[in-house]
Structure formats: C-alpha cells, structure tokens
PDB file of N, CA and C in Angstrom:
ATOM      1  N   UNK A   1       9.556 -22.492  -1.960  1.00  0.00           N
ATOM      2  CA  UNK A   1       9.158 -21.105  -1.780  1.00  0.00           C
ATOM      3  C   UNK A   1      10.232 -20.205  -2.381  1.00  0.00           C
ATOM      4  N   UNK A   2       9.798 -19.168  -3.067  1.00  0.00           N
ATOM      5  CA  UNK A   2      10.698 -18.187  -3.675  1.00  0.00           C
ATOM      6  C   UNK A   2      11.434 -17.419  -2.587  1.00  0.00           C
ATOM      7  N   UNK A   3      12.655 -17.012  -2.874  1.00  0.00           N
ATOM      8  CA  UNK A   3      13.464 -16.272  -1.906  1.00  0.00           C
ATOM      9  C   UNK A   3      12.918 -14.850  -1.722  1.00  0.00           C
ATOM     10  N   UNK A   4      12.969 -14.364  -0.492  1.00  0.00           N
ATOM     11  CA  UNK A   4      12.524 -13.012  -0.167  1.00  0.00           C
ATOM     12  C   UNK A   4      13.558 -12.019  -0.694  1.00  0.00           C
ATOM     13  N   UNK A   5      13.137 -10.986  -1.425  1.00  0.00           N
ATOM     14  CA  UNK A   5      14.086  -9.972  -1.906  1.00  0.00           C
ATOM     15  C   UNK A   5      14.784  -9.284  -0.730  1.00  0.00           C
ATOM     16  N   UNK A   6      16.034  -8.888  -0.920  1.00  0.00           N
ATOM     17  CA  UNK A   6      16.824  -8.351   0.189  1.00  0.00           C
ATOM     18  C   UNK A   6      16.211  -7.105   0.824  1.00  0.00           C
ATOM     19  N   UNK A   7      15.628  -6.208   0.032  1.00  0.00           N
ATOM     20  CA  UNK A   7      15.016  -5.000   0.606  1.00  0.00           C
ATOM     21  C   UNK A   7      13.852  -5.370   1.520  1.00  0.00           C
ATOM     22  N   UNK A   8      13.053  -6.337   1.094  1.00  0.00           N
ATOM     23  CA  UNK A   8      11.923  -6.777   1.905  1.00  0.00           C
ATOM     24  C   UNK A   8      12.424  -7.487   3.161  1.00  0.00           C
ATOM     25  N   UNK A   9      13.467  -8.295   3.014  1.00  0.00           N
ATOM     26  CA  UNK A   9      14.025  -8.979   4.183  1.00  0.00           C
ATOM     27  C   UNK A   9      14.566  -7.976   5.190  1.00  0.00           C
ATOM     28  N   UNK A  10      15.187  -6.891   4.712  1.00  0.00           N
ATOM     29  CA  UNK A  10      15.676  -5.844   5.626  1.00  0.00           C
ATOM     30  C   UNK A  10      14.515  -5.201   6.384  1.00  0.00           C
ATOM     31  N   UNK A  11      13.396  -4.970   5.695  1.00  0.00           N
ATOM     32  CA  UNK A  11      12.220  -4.395   6.341  1.00  0.00           C
ATOM     33  C   UNK A  11      11.681  -5.343   7.411  1.00  0.00           C
ATOM     34  N   UNK A  12      11.603  -6.629   7.093  1.00  0.00           N
ATOM     35  CA  UNK A  12      11.127  -7.627   8.055  1.00  0.00           C
ATOM     36  C   UNK A  12      12.070  -7.699   9.249  1.00  0.00           C
ATOM     37  N   UNK A  13      13.378  -7.779   8.978  1.00  0.00           N
ATOM     38  CA  UNK A  13      14.358  -7.862  10.065  1.00  0.00           C
ATOM     39  C   UNK A  13      14.313  -6.626  10.952  1.00  0.00           C
ATOM     40  N   UNK A  14      14.167  -5.445  10.346  1.00  0.00           N
ATOM     41  CA  UNK A  14      14.095  -4.204  11.125  1.00  0.00           C
ATOM     42  C   UNK A  14      12.853  -4.195  12.005  1.00  0.00           C
ATOM     43  N   UNK A  15      11.728  -4.639  11.457  1.00  0.00           N
ATOM     44  CA  UNK A  15      10.497  -4.717  12.249  1.00  0.00           C
ATOM     45  C   UNK A  15      10.703  -5.644  13.435  1.00  0.00           C
ATOM     46  N   UNK A  16      11.219  -6.832  13.178  1.00  0.00           N
ATOM     47  CA  UNK A  16      11.380  -7.822  14.240  1.00  0.00           C
ATOM     48  C   UNK A  16      12.404  -7.399  15.286  1.00  0.00           C
ATOM     49  N   UNK A  17      13.362  -6.549  14.900  1.00  0.00           N
ATOM     50  CA  UNK A  17      14.375  -6.055  15.838  1.00  0.00           C
ATOM     51  C   UNK A  17      13.941  -4.755  16.523  1.00  0.00           C
ATOM     52  N   UNK A  18      12.827  -4.184  16.078  1.00  0.00           N
ATOM     53  CA  UNK A  18      12.386  -2.909  16.630  1.00  0.00           C
ATOM     54  C   UNK A  18      13.290  -1.756  16.247  1.00  0.00           C
ATOM     55  N   UNK A  19      13.897  -1.839  15.060  1.00  0.00           N
ATOM     56  CA  UNK A  19      14.862  -0.832  14.589  1.00  0.00           C
ATOM     57  C   UNK A  19      14.179   0.127  13.611  1.00  0.00           C
ATOM     58  N   UNK A  20      13.664   1.230  14.144  1.00  0.00           N
ATOM     59  CA  UNK A  20      12.913   2.204  13.354  1.00  0.00           C
ATOM     60  C   UNK A  20      13.736   2.760  12.195  1.00  0.00           C
ATOM     61  N   UNK A  21      14.981   3.150  12.450  1.00  0.00           N
ATOM     62  CA  UNK A  21      15.811   3.745  11.392  1.00  0.00           C
ATOM     63  C   UNK A  21      16.059   2.758  10.254  1.00  0.00           C
ATOM     64  N   UNK A  22      16.340   1.514  10.590  1.00  0.00           N
ATOM     65  CA  UNK A  22      16.574   0.500   9.552  1.00  0.00           C
ATOM     66  C   UNK A  22      15.292   0.219   8.784  1.00  0.00           C
ATOM     67  N   UNK A  23      14.149   0.268   9.464  1.00  0.00           N
ATOM     68  CA  UNK A  23      12.868   0.066   8.782  1.00  0.00           C
ATOM     69  C   UNK A  23      12.684   1.133   7.713  1.00  0.00           C
ATOM     70  N   UNK A  24      12.816   2.390   8.074  1.00  0.00           N
ATOM     71  CA  UNK A  24      12.621   3.493   7.121  1.00  0.00           C
ATOM     72  C   UNK A  24      13.656   3.419   6.002  1.00  0.00           C
ATOM     73  N   UNK A  25      14.873   3.012   6.325  1.00  0.00           N
ATOM     74  CA  UNK A  25      15.954   2.934   5.333  1.00  0.00           C
ATOM     75  C   UNK A  25      15.729   1.851   4.289  1.00  0.00           C
ATOM     76  N   UNK A  26      14.848   0.900   4.549  1.00  0.00           N
ATOM     77  CA  UNK A  26      14.558  -0.151   3.567  1.00  0.00           C
ATOM     78  C   UNK A  26      13.708   0.376   2.409  1.00  0.00           C
ATOM     79  N   UNK A  27      13.146   1.587   2.566  1.00  0.00           N
ATOM     80  CA  UNK A  27      12.260   2.183   1.569  1.00  0.00           C
ATOM     81  C   UNK A  27      12.967   3.302   0.809  1.00  0.00           C
ATOM     82  N   UNK A  28      12.597   3.479  -0.454  1.00  0.00           N
ATOM     83  CA  UNK A  28      13.077   4.620  -1.235  1.00  0.00           C
ATOM     84  C   UNK A  28      12.513   5.905  -0.610  1.00  0.00           C
ATOM     85  N   UNK A  29      13.217   7.028  -0.755  1.00  0.00           N
ATOM     86  CA  UNK A  29      12.737   8.289  -0.153  1.00  0.00           C
ATOM     87  C   UNK A  29      11.344   8.705  -0.625  1.00  0.00           C
ATOM     88  N   UNK A  30      10.946   8.300  -1.812  1.00  0.00           N
ATOM     89  CA  UNK A  30       9.624   8.669  -2.337  1.00  0.00           C
ATOM     90  C   UNK A  30       8.657   7.483  -2.358  1.00  0.00           C
ATOM     91  N   UNK A  31       8.925   6.482  -1.541  1.00  0.00           N
ATOM     92  CA  UNK A  31       8.091   5.277  -1.501  1.00  0.00           C
ATOM     93  C   UNK A  31       6.682   5.590  -0.997  1.00  0.00           C
ATOM     94  N   UNK A  32       5.784   4.678  -1.310  1.00  0.00           N
ATOM     95  CA  UNK A  32       4.406   4.758  -0.831  1.00  0.00           C
ATOM     96  C   UNK A  32       4.089   3.460  -0.097  1.00  0.00           C
ATOM     97  N   UNK A  33       3.478   3.603   1.066  1.00  0.00           N
ATOM     98  CA  UNK A  33       3.007   2.460   1.846  1.00  0.00           C
ATOM     99  C   UNK A  33       1.496   2.610   1.954  1.00  0.00           C
ATOM    100  N   UNK A  34       0.767   1.584   1.551  1.00  0.00           N
ATOM    101  CA  UNK A  34      -0.694   1.617   1.601  1.00  0.00           C
ATOM    102  C   UNK A  34      -1.149   0.531   2.575  1.00  0.00           C
ATOM    103  N   UNK A  35      -1.799   0.955   3.656  1.00  0.00           N
ATOM    104  CA  UNK A  35      -2.277   0.052   4.687  1.00  0.00           C
ATOM    105  C   UNK A  35      -3.795   0.011   4.633  1.00  0.00           C
ATOM    106  N   UNK A  36      -4.348  -1.035   4.034  1.00  0.00           N
ATOM    107  CA  UNK A  36      -5.789  -1.250   3.897  1.00  0.00           C
ATOM    108  C   UNK A  36      -6.446  -0.008   3.314  1.00  0.00           C
ATOM    109  N   UNK A  37      -5.835   0.570   2.293  1.00  0.00           N
ATOM    110  CA  UNK A  37      -6.407   1.692   1.564  1.00  0.00           C
ATOM    111  C   UNK A  37      -5.894   3.057   1.975  1.00  0.00           C
ATOM    112  N   UNK A  38      -5.274   3.206   3.122  1.00  0.00           N
ATOM    113  CA  UNK A  38      -4.742   4.495   3.554  1.00  0.00           C
ATOM    114  C   UNK A  38      -3.271   4.589   3.139  1.00  0.00           C
ATOM    115  N   UNK A  39      -2.936   5.652   2.406  1.00  0.00           N
ATOM    116  CA  UNK A  39      -1.577   5.808   1.864  1.00  0.00           C
ATOM    117  C   UNK A  39      -0.713   6.687   2.758  1.00  0.00           C
ATOM    118  N   UNK A  40       0.539   6.287   2.897  1.00  0.00           N
ATOM    119  CA  UNK A  40       1.579   7.044   3.594  1.00  0.00           C
ATOM    120  C   UNK A  40       2.685   7.264   2.574  1.00  0.00           C
ATOM    121  N   UNK A  41       3.075   8.510   2.383  1.00  0.00           N
ATOM    122  CA  UNK A  41       4.011   8.827   1.304  1.00  0.00           C
ATOM    123  C   UNK A  41       5.332   9.359   1.819  1.00  0.00           C
ATOM    124  N   UNK A  42       6.409   8.928   1.160  1.00  0.00           N
ATOM    125  CA  UNK A  42       7.751   9.401   1.460  1.00  0.00           C
ATOM    126  C   UNK A  42       8.258   8.896   2.795  1.00  0.00           C
ATOM    127  N   UNK A  43       9.499   9.250   3.081  1.00  0.00           N
ATOM    128  CA  UNK A  43      10.140   8.784   4.317  1.00  0.00           C
ATOM    129  C   UNK A  43       9.374   9.213   5.558  1.00  0.00           C
ATOM    130  N   UNK A  44       8.844  10.445   5.562  1.00  0.00           N
ATOM    131  CA  UNK A  44       8.099  10.932   6.730  1.00  0.00           C
ATOM    132  C   UNK A  44       6.817  10.122   6.937  1.00  0.00           C
ATOM    133  N   UNK A  45       6.120   9.824   5.868  1.00  0.00           N
ATOM    134  CA  UNK A  45       4.895   9.031   5.973  1.00  0.00           C
ATOM    135  C   UNK A  45       5.172   7.609   6.416  1.00  0.00           C
ATOM    136  N   UNK A  46       6.229   7.022   5.874  1.00  0.00           N
ATOM    137  CA  UNK A  46       6.622   5.656   6.251  1.00  0.00           C
ATOM    138  C   UNK A  46       6.994   5.631   7.733  1.00  0.00           C
ATOM    139  N   UNK A  47       7.745   6.634   8.184  1.00  0.00           N
ATOM    140  CA  UNK A  47       8.145   6.722   9.594  1.00  0.00           C
ATOM    141  C   UNK A  47       6.913   6.873  10.494  1.00  0.00           C
ATOM    142  N   UNK A  48       5.949   7.670  10.039  1.00  0.00           N
ATOM    143  CA  UNK A  48       4.717   7.857  10.814  1.00  0.00           C
ATOM    144  C   UNK A  48       3.974   6.529  10.966  1.00  0.00           C
ATOM    145  N   UNK A  49       3.814   5.793   9.854  1.00  0.00           N
ATOM    146  CA  UNK A  49       3.126   4.506   9.917  1.00  0.00           C
ATOM    147  C   UNK A  49       3.878   3.535  10.814  1.00  0.00           C
ATOM    148  N   UNK A  50       5.196   3.521  10.713  1.00  0.00           N
ATOM    149  CA  UNK A  50       5.994   2.618  11.532  1.00  0.00           C
ATOM    150  C   UNK A  50       5.759   2.897  13.017  1.00  0.00           C
ATOM    151  N   UNK A  51       5.744   4.175  13.382  1.00  0.00           N
ATOM    152  CA  UNK A  51       5.563   4.544  14.790  1.00  0.00           C
ATOM    153  C   UNK A  51       4.148   4.234  15.293  1.00  0.00           C
ATOM    154  N   UNK A  52       3.149   4.388  14.426  1.00  0.00           N
ATOM    155  CA  UNK A  52       1.769   4.215  14.888  1.00  0.00           C
ATOM    156  C   UNK A  52       1.235   2.791  14.725  1.00  0.00           C
ATOM    157  N   UNK A  53       1.725   2.056  13.719  1.00  0.00           N
ATOM    158  CA  UNK A  53       1.108   0.766  13.394  1.00  0.00           C
ATOM    159  C   UNK A  53       2.058  -0.423  13.327  1.00  0.00           C
ATOM    160  N   UNK A  54       3.341  -0.183  13.395  1.00  0.00           N
ATOM    161  CA  UNK A  54       4.287  -1.289  13.188  1.00  0.00           C
ATOM    162  C   UNK A  54       5.191  -1.442  14.407  1.00  0.00           C
ATOM    163  N   UNK A  55       6.384  -0.910  14.361  1.00  0.00           N
ATOM    164  CA  UNK A  55       7.301  -1.042  15.497  1.00  0.00           C
ATOM    165  C   UNK A  55       6.709  -0.380  16.742  1.00  0.00           C
ATOM    166  N   UNK A  56       5.975   0.702  16.548  1.00  0.00           N
ATOM    167  CA  UNK A  56       5.318   1.360  17.675  1.00  0.00           C
ATOM    168  C   UNK A  56       4.284   0.489  18.364  1.00  0.00           C
ATOM    169  N   UNK A  57       3.864  -0.570  17.718  1.00  0.00           N
ATOM    170  CA  UNK A  57       2.912  -1.533  18.288  1.00  0.00           C
ATOM    171  C   UNK A  57       3.578  -2.891  18.534  1.00  0.00           C
ATOM    172  N   UNK A  58       4.911  -2.909  18.527  1.00  0.00           N
ATOM    173  CA  UNK A  58       5.689  -4.133  18.771  1.00  0.00           C
ATOM    174  C   UNK A  58       5.340  -5.251  17.795  1.00  0.00           C
ATOM    175  N   UNK A  59       5.099  -4.886  16.534  1.00  0.00           N
ATOM    176  CA  UNK A  59       4.760  -5.882  15.518  1.00  0.00           C
ATOM    177  C   UNK A  59       5.946  -6.799  15.243  1.00  0.00           C
ATOM    178  N   UNK A  60       5.627  -8.015  14.853  1.00  0.00           N
ATOM    179  CA  UNK A  60       6.611  -8.990  14.420  1.00  0.00           C
ATOM    180  C   UNK A  60       6.048  -9.667  13.175  1.00  0.00           C
ATOM    181  N   UNK A  61       6.936  -9.947  12.217  1.00  0.00           N
ATOM    182  CA  UNK A  61       6.533 -10.583  10.965  1.00  0.00           C
ATOM    183  C   UNK A  61       7.212 -11.938  10.820  1.00  0.00           C
ATOM    184  N   UNK A  62       6.466 -12.920  10.356  1.00  0.00           N
ATOM    185  CA  UNK A  62       7.008 -14.219   9.975  1.00  0.00           C
ATOM    186  C   UNK A  62       6.507 -14.521   8.570  1.00  0.00           C
ATOM    187  N   UNK A  63       7.419 -14.875   7.676  1.00  0.00           N
ATOM    188  CA  UNK A  63       7.062 -15.142   6.282  1.00  0.00           C
ATOM    189  C   UNK A  63       6.388 -16.504   6.180  1.00  0.00           C
ATOM    190  N   UNK A  64       5.172 -16.502   5.631  1.00  0.00           N
ATOM    191  CA  UNK A  64       4.441 -17.748   5.409  1.00  0.00           C
ATOM    192  C   UNK A  64       4.536 -18.201   3.957  1.00  0.00           C
ATOM    193  N   UNK A  65       4.635 -17.228   3.018  1.00  0.00           N
ATOM    194  CA  UNK A  65       4.696 -17.580   1.608  1.00  0.00           C
ATOM    195  C   UNK A  65       5.270 -16.406   0.820  1.00  0.00           C
ATOM    196  N   UNK A  66       5.922 -16.720  -0.288  1.00  0.00           N
ATOM    197  CA  UNK A  66       6.497 -15.712  -1.184  1.00  0.00           C
ATOM    198  C   UNK A  66       6.151 -16.101  -2.610  1.00  0.00           C
ATOM    199  N   UNK A  67       5.700 -15.123  -3.378  1.00  0.00           N
ATOM    200  CA  UNK A  67       5.393 -15.356  -4.781  1.00  0.00           C
ATOM    201  C   UNK A  67       5.816 -14.117  -5.558  1.00  0.00           C
ATOM    202  N   UNK A  68       5.913 -14.265  -6.853  1.00  0.00           N
ATOM    203  CA  UNK A  68       6.301 -13.146  -7.708  1.00  0.00           C
ATOM    204  C   UNK A  68       5.461 -13.168  -8.968  1.00  0.00           C
ATOM    205  N   UNK A  69       4.921 -12.001  -9.300  1.00  0.00           N
ATOM    206  CA  UNK A  69       4.182 -11.814 -10.548  1.00  0.00           C
ATOM    207  C   UNK A  69       4.850 -10.669 -11.288  1.00  0.00           C
ATOM    208  N   UNK A  70       5.667 -11.001 -12.277  1.00  0.00           N
ATOM    209  CA  UNK A  70       6.449  -9.999 -13.031  1.00  0.00           C
ATOM    210  C   UNK A  70       7.306  -9.200 -12.044  1.00  0.00           C
ATOM    211  N   UNK A  71       7.085  -7.897 -11.945  1.00  0.00           N
ATOM    212  CA  UNK A  71       7.906  -7.046 -11.072  1.00  0.00           C
ATOM    213  C   UNK A  71       7.301  -6.825  -9.700  1.00  0.00           C
ATOM    214  N   UNK A  72       6.264  -7.563  -9.365  1.00  0.00           N
ATOM    215  CA  UNK A  72       5.600  -7.412  -8.074  1.00  0.00           C
ATOM    216  C   UNK A  72       5.852  -8.660  -7.231  1.00  0.00           C
ATOM    217  N   UNK A  73       6.294  -8.437  -5.993  1.00  0.00           N
ATOM    218  CA  UNK A  73       6.509  -9.521  -5.045  1.00  0.00           C
ATOM    219  C   UNK A  73       5.302  -9.570  -4.129  1.00  0.00           C
ATOM    220  N   UNK A  74       4.803 -10.752  -3.873  1.00  0.00           N
ATOM    221  CA  UNK A  74       3.642 -10.930  -3.015  1.00  0.00           C
ATOM    222  C   UNK A  74       4.038 -11.866  -1.880  1.00  0.00           C
ATOM    223  N   UNK A  75       3.986 -11.330  -0.670  1.00  0.00           N
ATOM    224  CA  UNK A  75       4.325 -12.129   0.499  1.00  0.00           C
ATOM    225  C   UNK A  75       3.092 -12.287   1.368  1.00  0.00           C
ATOM    226  N   UNK A  76       2.954 -13.447   1.941  1.00  0.00           N
ATOM    227  CA  UNK A  76       1.970 -13.678   2.985  1.00  0.00           C
ATOM    228  C   UNK A  76       2.754 -13.671   4.288  1.00  0.00           C
ATOM    229  N   UNK A  77       2.370 -12.750   5.186  1.00  0.00           N
ATOM    230  CA  UNK A  77       3.071 -12.612   6.451  1.00  0.00           C
ATOM    231  C   UNK A  77       2.125 -12.904   7.610  1.00  0.00           C
ATOM    232  N   UNK A  78       2.629 -13.633   8.589  1.00  0.00           N
ATOM    233  CA  UNK A  78       1.932 -13.807   9.853  1.00  0.00           C
ATOM    234  C   UNK A  78       2.382 -12.660  10.740  1.00  0.00           C
ATOM    235  N   UNK A  79       1.431 -11.862  11.204  1.00  0.00           N
ATOM    236  CA  UNK A  79       1.718 -10.648  11.966  1.00  0.00           C
ATOM    237  C   UNK A  79       1.251 -10.851  13.406  1.00  0.00           C
ATOM    238  N   UNK A  80       2.127 -10.504  14.351  1.00  0.00           N
ATOM    239  CA  UNK A  80       1.770 -10.531  15.764  1.00  0.00           C
ATOM    240  C   UNK A  80       2.228  -9.223  16.394  1.00  0.00           C
ATOM    241  N   UNK A  81       1.722  -8.931  17.558  1.00  0.00           N
ATOM    242  CA  UNK A  81       2.134  -7.728  18.280  1.00  0.00           C
ATOM    243  C   UNK A  81       0.957  -7.084  18.977  1.00  0.00           C
ATOM    244  N   UNK A  82       1.091  -5.786  19.238  1.00  0.00           N
ATOM    245  CA  UNK A  82       0.073  -5.062  19.981  1.00  0.00           C
ATOM    246  C   UNK A  82      -0.980  -4.412  19.117  1.00  0.00           C
ATOM    247  N   UNK A  83      -0.966  -4.676  17.828  1.00  0.00           N
ATOM    248  CA  UNK A  83      -1.970  -4.139  16.909  1.00  0.00           C
ATOM    249  C   UNK A  83      -2.649  -5.291  16.205  1.00  0.00           C
ATOM    250  N   UNK A  84      -2.652  -5.253  14.870  1.00  0.00           N
ATOM    251  CA  UNK A  84      -3.224  -6.331  14.069  1.00  0.00           C
ATOM    252  C   UNK A  84      -2.485  -7.631  14.341  1.00  0.00           C
ATOM    253  N   UNK A  85      -3.235  -8.690  14.528  1.00  0.00           N
ATOM    254  CA  UNK A  85      -2.671 -10.026  14.657  1.00  0.00           C
ATOM    255  C   UNK A  85      -3.391 -10.932  13.674  1.00  0.00           C
ATOM    256  N   UNK A  86      -2.623 -11.606  12.840  1.00  0.00           N
ATOM    257  CA  UNK A  86      -3.215 -12.508  11.862  1.00  0.00           C
ATOM    258  C   UNK A  86      -2.343 -12.594  10.635  1.00  0.00           C
ATOM    259  N   UNK A  87      -2.883 -13.152   9.586  1.00  0.00           N
ATOM    260  CA  UNK A  87      -2.168 -13.338   8.329  1.00  0.00           C
ATOM    261  C   UNK A  87      -2.685 -12.327   7.328  1.00  0.00           C
ATOM    262  N   UNK A  88      -1.756 -11.706   6.604  1.00  0.00           N
ATOM    263  CA  UNK A  88      -2.143 -10.697   5.627  1.00  0.00           C
ATOM    264  C   UNK A  88      -1.223 -10.776   4.422  1.00  0.00           C
ATOM    265  N   UNK A  89      -1.760 -10.339   3.276  1.00  0.00           N
ATOM    266  CA  UNK A  89      -0.974 -10.262   2.060  1.00  0.00           C
ATOM    267  C   UNK A  89      -0.282  -8.906   1.954  1.00  0.00           C
ATOM    268  N   UNK A  90       0.955  -8.919   1.521  1.00  0.00           N
ATOM    269  CA  UNK A  90       1.748  -7.713   1.315  1.00  0.00           C
ATOM    270  C   UNK A  90       2.269  -7.740  -0.119  1.00  0.00           C
ATOM    271  N   UNK A  91       2.031  -6.670  -0.864  1.00  0.00           N
ATOM    272  CA  UNK A  91       2.535  -6.545  -2.236  1.00  0.00           C
ATOM    273  C   UNK A  91       3.665  -5.527  -2.237  1.00  0.00           C
ATOM    274  N   UNK A  92       4.759  -5.875  -2.882  1.00  0.00           N
ATOM    275  CA  UNK A  92       5.937  -5.005  -2.916  1.00  0.00           C
ATOM    276  C   UNK A  92       6.375  -4.722  -4.344  1.00  0.00           C
ATOM    277  N   UNK A  93       6.737  -3.481  -4.580  1.00  0.00           N
ATOM    278  CA  UNK A  93       7.443  -3.083  -5.790  1.00  0.00           C
ATOM    279  C   UNK A  93       8.805  -2.575  -5.334  1.00  0.00           C
ATOM    280  N   UNK A  94       9.845  -2.899  -6.108  1.00  0.00           N
ATOM    281  CA  UNK A  94      11.220  -2.611  -5.710  1.00  0.00           C
ATOM    282  C   UNK A  94      11.978  -1.915  -6.829  1.00  0.00           C
ATOM    283  N   UNK A  95      12.965  -1.122  -6.441  1.00  0.00           N
ATOM    284  CA  UNK A  95      13.911  -0.528  -7.394  1.00  0.00           C
ATOM    285  C   UNK A  95      15.187  -0.206  -6.644  1.00  0.00           C
ATOM    286  N   UNK A  96      16.318  -0.492  -7.264  1.00  0.00           N
ATOM    287  CA  UNK A  96      17.625  -0.184  -6.674  1.00  0.00           C
ATOM    288  C   UNK A  96      17.762  -0.743  -5.262  1.00  0.00           C
ATOM    289  N   UNK A  97      17.281  -1.957  -5.042  1.00  0.00           N
ATOM    290  CA  UNK A  97      17.358  -2.659  -3.760  1.00  0.00           C
ATOM    291  C   UNK A  97      16.665  -1.898  -2.628  1.00  0.00           C
ATOM    292  N   UNK A  98      15.596  -1.160  -2.977  1.00  0.00           N
ATOM    293  CA  UNK A  98      14.762  -0.470  -1.995  1.00  0.00           C
ATOM    294  C   UNK A  98      13.301  -0.749  -2.323  1.00  0.00           C
ATOM    295  N   UNK A  99      12.459  -0.667  -1.311  1.00  0.00           N
ATOM    296  CA  UNK A  99      11.020  -0.818  -1.507  1.00  0.00           C
ATOM    297  C   UNK A  99      10.481   0.517  -2.014  1.00  0.00           C
ATOM    298  N   UNK A 100       9.789   0.501  -3.150  1.00  0.00           N
ATOM    299  CA  UNK A 100       9.183   1.726  -3.672  1.00  0.00           C
ATOM    300  C   UNK A 100       7.685   1.774  -3.374  1.00  0.00           C
ATOM    301  N   UNK A 101       7.090   0.599  -3.147  1.00  0.00           N
ATOM    302  CA  UNK A 101       5.665   0.546  -2.809  1.00  0.00           C
ATOM    303  C   UNK A 101       5.421  -0.719  -1.990  1.00  0.00           C
ATOM    304  N   UNK A 102       4.696  -0.558  -0.882  1.00  0.00           N
ATOM    305  CA  UNK A 102       4.279  -1.685  -0.073  1.00  0.00           C
ATOM    306  C   UNK A 102       2.787  -1.521   0.184  1.00  0.00           C
ATOM    307  N   UNK A 103       2.027  -2.522  -0.207  1.00  0.00           N
ATOM    308  CA  UNK A 103       0.579  -2.491  -0.026  1.00  0.00           C
ATOM    309  C   UNK A 103       0.163  -3.638   0.861  1.00  0.00           C
ATOM    310  N   UNK A 104      -0.481  -3.297   1.968  1.00  0.00           N
ATOM    311  CA  UNK A 104      -0.982  -4.321   2.890  1.00  0.00           C
ATOM    312  C   UNK A 104      -2.445  -4.570   2.553  1.00  0.00           C
ATOM    313  N   UNK A 105      -2.772  -5.821   2.365  1.00  0.00           N
ATOM    314  CA  UNK A 105      -4.114  -6.192   1.952  1.00  0.00           C
ATOM    315  C   UNK A 105      -4.851  -6.882   3.089  1.00  0.00           C
ATOM    316  N   UNK A 106      -6.139  -6.613   3.215  1.00  0.00           N
ATOM    317  CA  UNK A 106      -6.910  -7.269   4.286  1.00  0.00           C
ATOM    318  C   UNK A 106      -7.029  -8.766   4.056  1.00  0.00           C
TER     319      UNK A 106
END
C-alpha cells in the first residue's frame, strides 16, 4: 500500500483525536471540501463541515487503501462515529504540505 501523504495523515489523526483546530490546520486557507456533492469553501467552510459532520459527530477514520493517480491521492477510509458509518472513497489534492481539495465520494 502506498504511504499516506503527511497532510492527509494529519487530517486523519486530528479527526481521530477530536482536535478541531488541527483538523482545520491540515487544509490550505482556500481549500475546498466536497461531501457527496455539497461544497464547503475556505477555512470557515471546512470548520463548519468538521463541526456538523466530522468531529462534531465523533467520526473516526481508518485507512483501508491508498492509491495515487498523478497529483491526486485516493484513499479508501472506513468511517465510524455518530454520523455516516461505512467505507467511502476520498480524493485529495495537495500543495505545500496542505490539503487544497478533499472530495468524499458515496
């Protein structure tokens, strides 16, 4: 399995630790997070999604698979917590050791 990029690993670790500030800090200030088609933009949008759908729901992530297609990282994560539970695909774009785009796929 391919190694998880450090920015993505920081996001996973922050989620699993319930560390909201570290979660938001893993993203670039102008990052976009797309959750099943709904976009959250910038640090404020990422923080909103984290509070409503991620750490705010006690989510936990476990890496099931990692792949890379050119500049896009594709992770399969097992998600548990008080919201969505199951396996989902996550696509990441990165720059300067920060997440610039995270897309959650059904």
